[in-house]
C-alpha atoms as a PDB file:
ATOM      1  CA  MET A   1     -38.020  -0.256  -3.383  1.00  0.00           C
ATOM      2  CA  LYS A   2     -36.456  -1.012  -7.157  1.00  0.00           C
ATOM      3  CA  LYS A   3     -34.510   2.511  -6.394  1.00  0.00           C
ATOM      4  CA  ILE A   4     -32.757   1.354  -3.960  1.00  0.00           C
ATOM      5  CA  ILE A   5     -31.634  -1.746  -4.793  1.00  0.00           C
ATOM      6  CA  PRO A   6     -29.275   0.092  -7.441  1.00  0.00           C
ATOM      7  CA  LEU A   7     -28.234   2.767  -4.740  1.00  0.00           C
ATOM      8  CA  ILE A   8     -27.296  -0.690  -2.409  1.00  0.00           C
ATOM      9  CA  ILE A   9     -25.105  -1.726  -5.172  1.00  0.00           C
ATOM     10  CA  PHE A  10     -23.936   1.465  -5.668  1.00  0.00           C
ATOM     11  CA  ILE A  11     -22.604   1.585  -1.953  1.00  0.00           C
ATOM     12  CA  ILE A  12     -20.955  -1.335  -1.899  1.00  0.00           C
ATOM     13  CA  LEU A  13     -19.099  -1.352  -5.201  1.00  0.00           C
ATOM     14  CA  THR A  14     -17.733   2.138  -4.155  1.00  0.00           C
ATOM     15  CA  SER A  15     -16.979   1.246  -0.832  1.00  0.00           C
ATOM     16  CA  CYS A  16     -14.749  -2.038  -1.993  1.00  0.00           C
ATOM     17  CA  LYS A  17     -12.756   0.323  -4.242  1.00  0.00           C
ATOM     18  CA  SER A  18     -11.777   2.793  -1.627  1.00  0.00           C
ATOM     19  CA  SER A  19     -10.353  -0.366   0.228  1.00  0.00           C
ATOM     20  CA  VAL A  20      -6.868  -0.577   0.818  1.00  0.00           C
ATOM     21  CA  THR A  21      -5.090  -3.163   3.290  1.00  0.00           C
ATOM     22  CA  VAL A  22      -1.973  -1.725   5.383  1.00  0.00           C
ATOM     23  CA  ILE A  23       0.644  -3.930   6.191  1.00  0.00           C
ATOM     24  CA  THR A  24       3.399  -3.448   8.503  1.00  0.00           C
ATOM     25  CA  ALA A  25       6.535  -5.712   9.222  1.00  0.00           C
ATOM     26  CA  ASN A  26       6.465  -5.928  12.883  1.00  0.00           C
ATOM     27  CA  ASP A  27       9.495  -4.272  14.293  1.00  0.00           C
ATOM     28  CA  VAL A  28      11.870  -7.490  15.101  1.00  0.00           C
ATOM     29  CA  TYR A  29      11.267  -8.090  11.434  1.00  0.00           C
ATOM     30  CA  GLY A  30      10.873  -4.918   9.739  1.00  0.00           C
ATOM     31  CA  TYR A  31      14.486  -4.427   8.697  1.00  0.00           C
ATOM     32  CA  SER A  32      14.423  -7.859   6.962  1.00  0.00           C
ATOM     33  CA  ILE A  33      12.276  -7.689   4.442  1.00  0.00           C
ATOM     34  CA  THR A  34      13.684  -6.826   1.029  1.00  0.00           C
ATOM     35  CA  SER A  35      12.816  -6.958  -2.713  1.00  0.00           C
ATOM     36  CA  LYS A  36      14.173 -10.766  -2.470  1.00  0.00           C
ATOM     37  CA  ASN A  37      11.811 -11.753  -0.208  1.00  0.00           C
ATOM     38  CA  PHE A  38       8.361  -9.465   0.017  1.00  0.00           C
ATOM     39  CA  ARG A  39       6.602 -13.299   0.797  1.00  0.00           C
ATOM     40  CA  GLU A  40       7.512 -12.081   4.406  1.00  0.00           C
ATOM     41  CA  PHE A  41       4.340  -9.909   4.581  1.00  0.00           C
ATOM     42  CA  SER A  42       2.233 -12.673   4.240  1.00  0.00           C
ATOM     43  CA  ASN A  43       3.550 -14.228   7.500  1.00  0.00           C
ATOM     44  CA  PRO A  44       0.894 -13.175  10.057  1.00  0.00           C
ATOM     45  CA  ASN A  45       3.629 -13.977  12.735  1.00  0.00           C
ATOM     46  CA  LYS A  46       5.986 -11.112  10.915  1.00  0.00           C
ATOM     47  CA  THR A  47       2.869  -8.651   9.985  1.00  0.00           C
ATOM     48  CA  THR A  48       0.565  -6.711  11.417  1.00  0.00           C
ATOM     49  CA  LEU A  49      -2.743  -6.131   8.903  1.00  0.00           C
ATOM     50  CA  LYS A  50      -4.915  -3.022   8.896  1.00  0.00           C
ATOM     51  CA  GLN A  51      -7.728  -2.647   6.372  1.00  0.00           C
ATOM     52  CA  VAL A  52      -8.369   1.307   5.907  1.00  0.00           C
ATOM     53  CA  LYS A  53     -11.585   2.740   3.885  1.00  0.00           C
ATOM     54  CA  ASN A  54     -10.668   6.100   3.358  1.00  0.00           C
ATOM     55  CA  LYS A  55     -10.711   7.517  -0.419  1.00  0.00           C
ATOM     56  CA  ASP A  56      -8.007   9.870  -0.124  1.00  0.00           C
ATOM     57  CA  VAL A  57      -5.942   6.784   0.516  1.00  0.00           C
ATOM     58  CA  ALA A  58      -7.564   4.822  -2.533  1.00  0.00           C
ATOM     59  CA  ALA A  59      -7.099   7.590  -4.181  1.00  0.00           C
ATOM     60  CA  GLU A  60      -3.064   8.308  -3.925  1.00  0.00           C
ATOM     61  CA  PHE A  61      -2.382   4.361  -3.718  1.00  0.00           C
ATOM     62  CA  ASP A  62      -3.778   4.709  -8.003  1.00  0.00           C
ATOM     63  CA  TYR A  63      -1.708   7.885  -7.937  1.00  0.00           C
ATOM     64  CA  MET A  64       1.565   6.577  -6.787  1.00  0.00           C
ATOM     65  CA  LYS A  65       1.015   3.200  -8.905  1.00  0.00           C
ATOM     66  CA  ASN A  66       0.417   5.427 -11.743  1.00  0.00           C
ATOM     67  CA  TYR A  67       3.383   7.121 -11.073  1.00  0.00           C
ATOM     68  CA  LEU A  68       5.682   4.060 -10.374  1.00  0.00           C
ATOM     69  CA  ILE A  69       4.993   3.014 -14.072  1.00  0.00           C
ATOM     70  CA  THR A  70       7.638   5.847 -14.987  1.00  0.00           C
ATOM     71  CA  GLY A  71       9.594   4.884 -11.826  1.00  0.00           C
ATOM     72  CA  ARG A  72      13.470   3.994 -12.445  1.00  0.00           C
ATOM     73  CA  GLU A  73      14.092  -0.207 -11.864  1.00  0.00           C
ATOM     74  CA  HIS A  74      16.186  -1.677  -9.360  1.00  0.00           C
ATOM     75  CA  LEU A  75      17.016   2.790  -8.118  1.00  0.00           C
ATOM     76  CA  PHE A  76      16.315   0.583  -4.533  1.00  0.00           C
ATOM     77  CA  PRO A  77      16.625  -3.180  -5.304  1.00  0.00           C
ATOM     78  CA  ASP A  78      17.865  -4.426  -2.191  1.00  0.00           C
ATOM     79  CA  GLY A  79      16.709  -2.177   0.026  1.00  0.00           C
ATOM     80  CA  VAL A  80      14.842  -2.493   3.265  1.00  0.00           C
ATOM     81  CA  PHE A  81      10.930  -2.537   2.769  1.00  0.00           C
ATOM     82  CA  THR A  82       8.379  -1.788   6.509  1.00  0.00           C
ATOM     83  CA  TYR A  83       5.134  -1.292   4.616  1.00  0.00           C
ATOM     84  CA  ALA A  84       3.253  -3.063   2.270  1.00  0.00           C
ATOM     85  CA  PHE A  85      -0.428  -1.338   0.830  1.00  0.00           C
ATOM     86  CA  VAL A  86      -2.713  -3.487  -1.199  1.00  0.00           C
ATOM     87  CA  LYS A  87      -5.563  -2.279  -3.259  1.00  0.00           C
ATOM     88  CA  ASP A  88      -7.601  -4.994  -5.520  1.00  0.00           C
ATOM     89  CA  SER A  89      -4.811  -7.605  -6.816  1.00  0.00           C
ATOM     90  CA  ASP A  90      -1.859  -4.571  -6.907  1.00  0.00           C
ATOM     91  CA  THR A  91       0.940  -3.758  -4.160  1.00  0.00           C
ATOM     92  CA  ILE A  92       3.116  -1.344  -3.343  1.00  0.00           C
ATOM     93  CA  TYR A  93       5.406  -1.643  -1.262  1.00  0.00           C
ATOM     94  CA  ALA A  94       7.169   1.264   1.020  1.00  0.00           C
ATOM     95  CA  SER A  95      10.555   1.910   3.277  1.00  0.00           C
ATOM     96  CA  SER A  96      10.436   2.519   6.897  1.00  0.00           C
ATOM     97  CA  ASN A  97      10.502   6.409   5.914  1.00  0.00           C
ATOM     98  CA  LEU A  98       7.715   6.047   3.252  1.00  0.00           C
ATOM     99  CA  MET A  99      10.260   7.601   0.718  1.00  0.00           C
ATOM    100  CA  TYR A 100      10.722   4.650  -1.574  1.00  0.00           C
ATOM    101  CA  TRP A 101       7.855   3.122  -3.121  1.00  0.00           C
ATOM    102  CA  TRP A 102       8.168  -0.603  -5.199  1.00  0.00           C
ATOM    103  CA  HIS A 103       5.762  -1.474  -7.691  1.00  0.00           C
ATOM    104  CA  LYS A 104       6.578  -4.360 -10.478  1.00  0.00           C
ATOM    105  CA  GLU A 105      10.494  -4.018 -10.295  1.00  0.00           C
ATOM    106  CA  LYS A 106       9.692  -0.189 -10.586  1.00  0.00           C
ATOM    107  CA  VAL A 107      11.148   2.632  -7.279  1.00  0.00           C
ATOM    108  CA  ILE A 108      10.738   5.659  -6.971  1.00  0.00           C
ATOM    109  CA  LEU A 109      11.647   8.355  -4.369  1.00  0.00           C
ATOM    110  CA  TYR A 110       8.527  10.373  -3.471  1.00  0.00           C
ATOM    111  CA  GLN A 111       6.920  12.251  -0.708  1.00  0.00           C
ATOM    112  CA  SER A 112       3.323  11.315  -0.084  1.00  0.00           C
ATOM    113  CA  PRO A 113       0.927  14.238   1.345  1.00  0.00           C
ATOM    114  CA  ILE A 114      -1.815  11.158   2.514  1.00  0.00           C
ATOM    115  CA  ILE A 115       0.533   8.430   3.618  1.00  0.00           C
ATOM    116  CA  ASN A 116       3.400   9.853   5.280  1.00  0.00           C
ATOM    117  CA  THR A 117       5.348   8.971   8.412  1.00  0.00           C
ATOM    118  CA  GLU A 118       2.829  11.492  10.563  1.00  0.00           C
ATOM    119  CA  THR A 119      -0.167   9.758   9.041  1.00  0.00           C
ATOM    120  CA  ILE A 120       0.900   6.245   9.136  1.00  0.00           C
ATOM    121  CA  THR A 121      -0.781   5.354  12.364  1.00  0.00           C
ATOM    122  CA  GLU A 122      -3.277   7.448  11.713  1.00  0.00           C
ATOM    123  CA  LEU A 123      -4.035   4.819   9.069  1.00  0.00           C
END
């Protein structure tokens, strides 16, 4: 029994680390969310929420977050964002084509092999 408890705790902690929430702006409002009004992603009437428990998606989130540290400020400042990816207390926003990624005033142009327009519906 003593060996099972640490295993259960490890599984719980590991599963939390691989969880990413994907928030998608509804089509009607998708083109109105910019860096000036990101709070619209928290409006349940204008967005849909999906919990993704996938280690590859979580690892890609971490990779992009680290890559965004080197991003350019205000590369796409007034752009339109359709997606928000949330892991723990971090949020990365993405354009509708998932090419522009924004995090803490930094923007990168990046095409993810894991999170892209082909796979976003499958997440």
